[in-house]
N, C-alpha and C. Protein backbone atom coordinates (compact mmCIF):
# COMPACT_ATOMS: atom_id res chain seq x y z
N MET A 1 -12.35 67.45 27.40
CA MET A 1 -13.12 68.66 27.21
C MET A 1 -12.58 69.42 26.01
N THR A 2 -13.49 70.04 25.27
CA THR A 2 -13.10 70.78 24.07
C THR A 2 -12.96 72.27 24.49
N SER A 3 -12.40 72.97 23.58
CA SER A 3 -12.14 74.42 23.81
C SER A 3 -12.84 75.16 22.70
N ILE A 4 -13.97 75.76 22.99
CA ILE A 4 -14.69 76.57 22.06
C ILE A 4 -14.05 77.89 21.94
N THR A 5 -13.84 78.36 20.69
CA THR A 5 -13.06 79.60 20.50
C THR A 5 -13.91 80.83 20.32
N ILE A 6 -15.20 80.73 20.33
CA ILE A 6 -16.07 81.90 20.25
C ILE A 6 -16.73 82.13 21.62
N SER A 7 -17.19 83.37 21.82
CA SER A 7 -17.89 83.64 23.04
C SER A 7 -19.32 83.16 23.03
N LYS A 8 -19.90 83.13 24.19
CA LYS A 8 -21.30 82.75 24.33
C LYS A 8 -22.18 83.68 23.51
N GLN A 9 -21.82 85.02 23.51
CA GLN A 9 -22.59 85.97 22.81
C GLN A 9 -22.49 85.75 21.32
N GLU A 10 -21.28 85.41 20.79
CA GLU A 10 -21.10 85.03 19.36
C GLU A 10 -21.91 83.81 19.03
N TYR A 11 -21.89 82.80 19.96
CA TYR A 11 -22.62 81.55 19.73
C TYR A 11 -24.12 81.85 19.60
N GLU A 12 -24.62 82.68 20.46
CA GLU A 12 -26.03 83.08 20.33
C GLU A 12 -26.39 83.64 19.02
N GLY A 13 -25.47 84.37 18.41
CA GLY A 13 -25.70 85.01 17.14
C GLY A 13 -25.70 83.99 15.98
N ILE A 14 -24.99 82.90 16.12
CA ILE A 14 -24.85 81.91 14.98
C ILE A 14 -25.66 80.65 15.28
N LYS A 15 -26.23 80.50 16.45
CA LYS A 15 -26.83 79.28 16.86
C LYS A 15 -27.95 78.77 15.87
N ASP A 16 -28.80 79.65 15.44
CA ASP A 16 -29.89 79.24 14.54
C ASP A 16 -29.33 78.74 13.18
N ASP A 17 -28.37 79.46 12.69
CA ASP A 17 -27.72 79.11 11.38
C ASP A 17 -27.00 77.71 11.56
N LEU A 18 -26.30 77.58 12.66
CA LEU A 18 -25.57 76.31 12.89
C LEU A 18 -26.63 75.14 12.92
N LYS A 19 -27.70 75.35 13.70
CA LYS A 19 -28.70 74.26 13.83
C LYS A 19 -29.27 73.90 12.46
N SER A 20 -29.59 74.93 11.69
CA SER A 20 -30.20 74.64 10.33
C SER A 20 -29.15 73.93 9.44
N ASP A 21 -27.92 74.33 9.46
CA ASP A 21 -26.90 73.62 8.63
C ASP A 21 -26.68 72.23 9.15
N LEU A 22 -26.70 72.00 10.48
CA LEU A 22 -26.52 70.61 10.95
C LEU A 22 -27.65 69.72 10.53
N ILE A 23 -28.88 70.23 10.67
CA ILE A 23 -30.05 69.45 10.24
C ILE A 23 -29.98 69.12 8.78
N GLU A 24 -29.67 70.10 7.92
CA GLU A 24 -29.57 69.87 6.50
C GLU A 24 -28.51 68.81 6.17
N GLU A 25 -27.38 69.00 6.75
CA GLU A 25 -26.23 68.10 6.52
C GLU A 25 -26.57 66.65 7.00
N LEU A 26 -27.12 66.57 8.16
CA LEU A 26 -27.42 65.21 8.76
C LEU A 26 -28.54 64.56 7.97
N GLU A 27 -29.52 65.34 7.52
CA GLU A 27 -30.64 64.69 6.74
C GLU A 27 -30.02 64.08 5.39
N ALA A 28 -29.12 64.87 4.75
CA ALA A 28 -28.47 64.37 3.59
C ALA A 28 -27.65 63.07 3.87
N GLU A 29 -26.93 63.07 5.00
CA GLU A 29 -26.11 61.94 5.34
C GLU A 29 -26.99 60.69 5.62
N VAL A 30 -28.04 60.88 6.33
CA VAL A 30 -28.99 59.81 6.66
C VAL A 30 -29.73 59.27 5.42
N GLU A 31 -30.07 60.15 4.58
CA GLU A 31 -30.66 59.72 3.29
C GLU A 31 -29.67 58.90 2.46
N PHE A 32 -28.46 59.33 2.38
CA PHE A 32 -27.40 58.64 1.65
C PHE A 32 -27.15 57.25 2.24
N ALA A 33 -27.10 57.16 3.58
CA ALA A 33 -26.85 55.93 4.25
C ALA A 33 -28.07 54.97 4.07
N GLU A 34 -29.22 55.46 4.04
CA GLU A 34 -30.42 54.58 3.77
C GLU A 34 -30.39 54.08 2.31
N PHE A 35 -29.90 54.90 1.39
CA PHE A 35 -29.84 54.50 -0.01
C PHE A 35 -28.79 53.38 -0.15
N GLU A 36 -27.65 53.45 0.57
CA GLU A 36 -26.64 52.42 0.50
C GLU A 36 -27.01 51.09 1.13
N THR A 37 -27.94 51.10 2.06
CA THR A 37 -28.32 49.94 2.77
C THR A 37 -29.43 49.18 2.02
N ASP A 38 -29.03 47.98 1.48
CA ASP A 38 -30.02 47.27 0.71
C ASP A 38 -30.57 46.08 1.48
N LYS A 39 -30.04 45.77 2.66
CA LYS A 39 -30.55 44.61 3.42
C LYS A 39 -31.31 45.18 4.62
N LYS A 40 -32.59 45.35 4.45
CA LYS A 40 -33.40 45.84 5.51
C LYS A 40 -33.74 44.72 6.51
N GLY A 41 -33.85 45.07 7.76
CA GLY A 41 -34.24 44.07 8.74
C GLY A 41 -33.11 43.21 9.28
N LEU A 42 -31.98 43.23 8.65
CA LEU A 42 -30.90 42.39 9.17
C LEU A 42 -30.44 42.76 10.49
N TRP A 43 -30.27 44.17 10.74
CA TRP A 43 -29.87 44.58 12.00
C TRP A 43 -30.85 45.72 12.41
N GLU A 44 -31.11 45.81 13.73
CA GLU A 44 -31.85 46.89 14.21
C GLU A 44 -30.91 48.12 14.42
N THR A 45 -31.08 49.11 13.62
CA THR A 45 -30.17 50.27 13.72
C THR A 45 -31.02 51.47 14.00
N PRO A 46 -30.45 52.47 14.65
CA PRO A 46 -31.21 53.74 14.90
C PRO A 46 -31.40 54.44 13.53
N ALA A 47 -32.32 55.39 13.56
CA ALA A 47 -32.51 56.21 12.33
C ALA A 47 -31.27 57.04 12.02
N VAL A 48 -30.54 57.47 13.16
CA VAL A 48 -29.33 58.30 13.03
C VAL A 48 -28.28 57.64 13.92
N ASP A 49 -27.29 57.15 13.28
CA ASP A 49 -26.21 56.50 14.08
C ASP A 49 -25.06 57.43 14.32
N SER A 50 -24.20 57.01 15.21
CA SER A 50 -23.00 57.82 15.68
C SER A 50 -22.09 58.21 14.51
N LYS A 51 -21.99 57.29 13.54
CA LYS A 51 -21.11 57.51 12.40
C LYS A 51 -21.59 58.69 11.57
N ALA A 52 -22.87 58.81 11.46
CA ALA A 52 -23.43 59.93 10.71
C ALA A 52 -23.26 61.26 11.50
N VAL A 53 -23.46 61.21 12.81
CA VAL A 53 -23.34 62.42 13.62
C VAL A 53 -21.91 62.89 13.65
N VAL A 54 -20.98 62.01 13.72
CA VAL A 54 -19.55 62.50 13.84
C VAL A 54 -19.12 63.25 12.56
N LYS A 55 -19.79 63.01 11.46
CA LYS A 55 -19.49 63.73 10.20
C LYS A 55 -19.90 65.21 10.27
N LEU A 56 -20.61 65.54 11.30
CA LEU A 56 -20.98 66.95 11.51
C LEU A 56 -19.81 67.79 12.04
N SER A 57 -18.75 67.15 12.45
CA SER A 57 -17.59 67.87 13.06
C SER A 57 -17.12 69.05 12.27
N PRO A 58 -16.89 68.94 10.96
CA PRO A 58 -16.34 70.13 10.19
C PRO A 58 -17.35 71.33 10.30
N THR A 59 -18.57 71.02 10.25
CA THR A 59 -19.57 72.19 10.36
C THR A 59 -19.57 72.86 11.73
N ILE A 60 -19.45 71.98 12.73
CA ILE A 60 -19.37 72.55 14.08
C ILE A 60 -18.18 73.37 14.23
N GLN A 61 -17.00 72.82 13.70
CA GLN A 61 -15.73 73.60 13.79
C GLN A 61 -15.77 74.87 13.01
N LYS A 62 -16.47 74.95 11.89
CA LYS A 62 -16.58 76.14 11.11
C LYS A 62 -17.29 77.19 11.89
N TYR A 63 -18.26 76.89 12.65
CA TYR A 63 -19.05 77.81 13.43
C TYR A 63 -18.47 78.16 14.74
N THR A 64 -17.88 77.20 15.46
CA THR A 64 -17.47 77.38 16.86
C THR A 64 -15.96 77.41 17.08
N GLY A 65 -15.23 76.94 16.06
CA GLY A 65 -13.79 76.82 16.24
C GLY A 65 -13.30 75.52 16.90
N THR A 66 -14.25 74.64 17.23
CA THR A 66 -13.85 73.38 17.85
C THR A 66 -14.51 72.22 17.15
N LYS A 67 -13.84 71.12 17.11
CA LYS A 67 -14.43 69.92 16.48
C LYS A 67 -15.44 69.30 17.51
N LEU A 68 -16.33 68.45 16.88
CA LEU A 68 -17.28 67.76 17.71
C LEU A 68 -16.52 66.79 18.60
N ASP A 69 -16.84 66.79 19.85
CA ASP A 69 -16.26 65.85 20.81
C ASP A 69 -17.07 64.58 20.77
N PRO A 70 -16.46 63.45 20.48
CA PRO A 70 -17.21 62.19 20.41
C PRO A 70 -17.98 61.83 21.62
N THR A 71 -17.61 62.40 22.81
CA THR A 71 -18.38 62.07 24.00
C THR A 71 -19.72 62.78 23.97
N TRP A 72 -19.89 63.74 23.09
CA TRP A 72 -21.17 64.47 23.02
C TRP A 72 -22.23 63.56 22.34
N ILE A 73 -21.84 62.50 21.64
CA ILE A 73 -22.79 61.68 20.91
C ILE A 73 -23.37 60.65 21.79
N LYS A 74 -24.66 60.55 21.76
CA LYS A 74 -25.43 59.57 22.64
C LYS A 74 -25.16 58.16 22.14
N CYS A 75 -24.81 57.23 23.08
CA CYS A 75 -24.72 55.83 22.71
C CYS A 75 -26.05 55.28 22.22
N GLY A 76 -25.97 54.51 21.19
CA GLY A 76 -27.20 53.87 20.72
C GLY A 76 -27.92 54.65 19.57
N GLY A 77 -27.35 55.82 19.27
CA GLY A 77 -27.94 56.65 18.19
C GLY A 77 -29.16 57.39 18.58
N TYR A 78 -29.88 57.83 17.54
CA TYR A 78 -31.00 58.78 17.73
C TYR A 78 -32.16 58.31 16.88
N ASP A 79 -33.36 58.63 17.28
CA ASP A 79 -34.58 58.28 16.57
C ASP A 79 -34.84 59.16 15.40
N SER A 80 -34.24 60.39 15.34
CA SER A 80 -34.50 61.26 14.31
C SER A 80 -33.31 62.31 14.16
N VAL A 81 -33.29 62.94 13.02
CA VAL A 81 -32.24 63.97 12.81
C VAL A 81 -32.42 65.11 13.73
N VAL A 82 -33.61 65.56 13.94
CA VAL A 82 -33.87 66.65 14.90
C VAL A 82 -33.39 66.29 16.26
N GLU A 83 -33.69 65.10 16.74
CA GLU A 83 -33.26 64.67 18.10
C GLU A 83 -31.73 64.69 18.19
N ALA A 84 -31.06 64.23 17.16
CA ALA A 84 -29.57 64.21 17.12
C ALA A 84 -29.02 65.62 17.21
N VAL A 85 -29.55 66.48 16.38
CA VAL A 85 -29.04 67.90 16.29
C VAL A 85 -29.31 68.61 17.60
N GLU A 86 -30.47 68.41 18.17
CA GLU A 86 -30.86 69.09 19.41
C GLU A 86 -29.94 68.63 20.54
N HIS A 87 -29.61 67.34 20.52
CA HIS A 87 -28.72 66.80 21.57
C HIS A 87 -27.29 67.40 21.48
N ILE A 88 -26.80 67.49 20.21
CA ILE A 88 -25.47 68.07 19.99
C ILE A 88 -25.50 69.60 20.36
N MET A 89 -26.54 70.24 20.05
CA MET A 89 -26.66 71.68 20.41
C MET A 89 -26.68 71.84 21.97
N GLU A 90 -27.37 70.85 22.68
CA GLU A 90 -27.38 70.89 24.07
C GLU A 90 -25.92 70.76 24.62
N GLN A 91 -25.21 69.80 24.00
CA GLN A 91 -23.83 69.54 24.46
C GLN A 91 -22.94 70.86 24.27
N LEU A 92 -23.12 71.53 23.15
CA LEU A 92 -22.44 72.81 22.94
C LEU A 92 -22.75 73.83 24.05
N GLU A 93 -24.04 73.87 24.39
CA GLU A 93 -24.47 74.81 25.49
C GLU A 93 -23.78 74.42 26.78
N LEU A 94 -23.67 73.14 27.04
CA LEU A 94 -23.00 72.69 28.27
C LEU A 94 -21.53 73.05 28.28
N GLU A 95 -20.89 73.06 27.07
CA GLU A 95 -19.49 73.45 27.03
C GLU A 95 -19.34 74.98 27.46
N PHE A 96 -20.30 75.79 27.07
CA PHE A 96 -20.19 77.19 27.44
C PHE A 96 -20.42 77.33 28.98
N GLN A 97 -21.23 76.54 29.51
CA GLN A 97 -21.50 76.62 30.99
C GLN A 97 -20.27 76.13 31.73
N SER A 98 -19.48 75.18 31.21
CA SER A 98 -18.39 74.68 31.94
C SER A 98 -17.10 75.47 31.79
N ASN A 99 -17.12 76.40 30.82
CA ASN A 99 -15.94 77.27 30.65
C ASN A 99 -16.06 78.57 31.46
């Protein structure tokens, strides 16, 4: 379990900015990963894989004081950037509920 260093009230104040930054960052990461992949069809891979999502950790830490917990990432990846970010945001919400 991670330890978020901001209050739920503080989180509510930064939640929209965090979500926007995560979407922007992940879209750039996915676009870069697609650019690097020149062998289409060799492997069935999700639109957004766990390696791309884990790179969001510094942004999450900047806003919440805690790094992304790898257990927050869904096995098998995500079909879209929005799905990935919404799932991570849900995991953050669960952290507040468990504290």
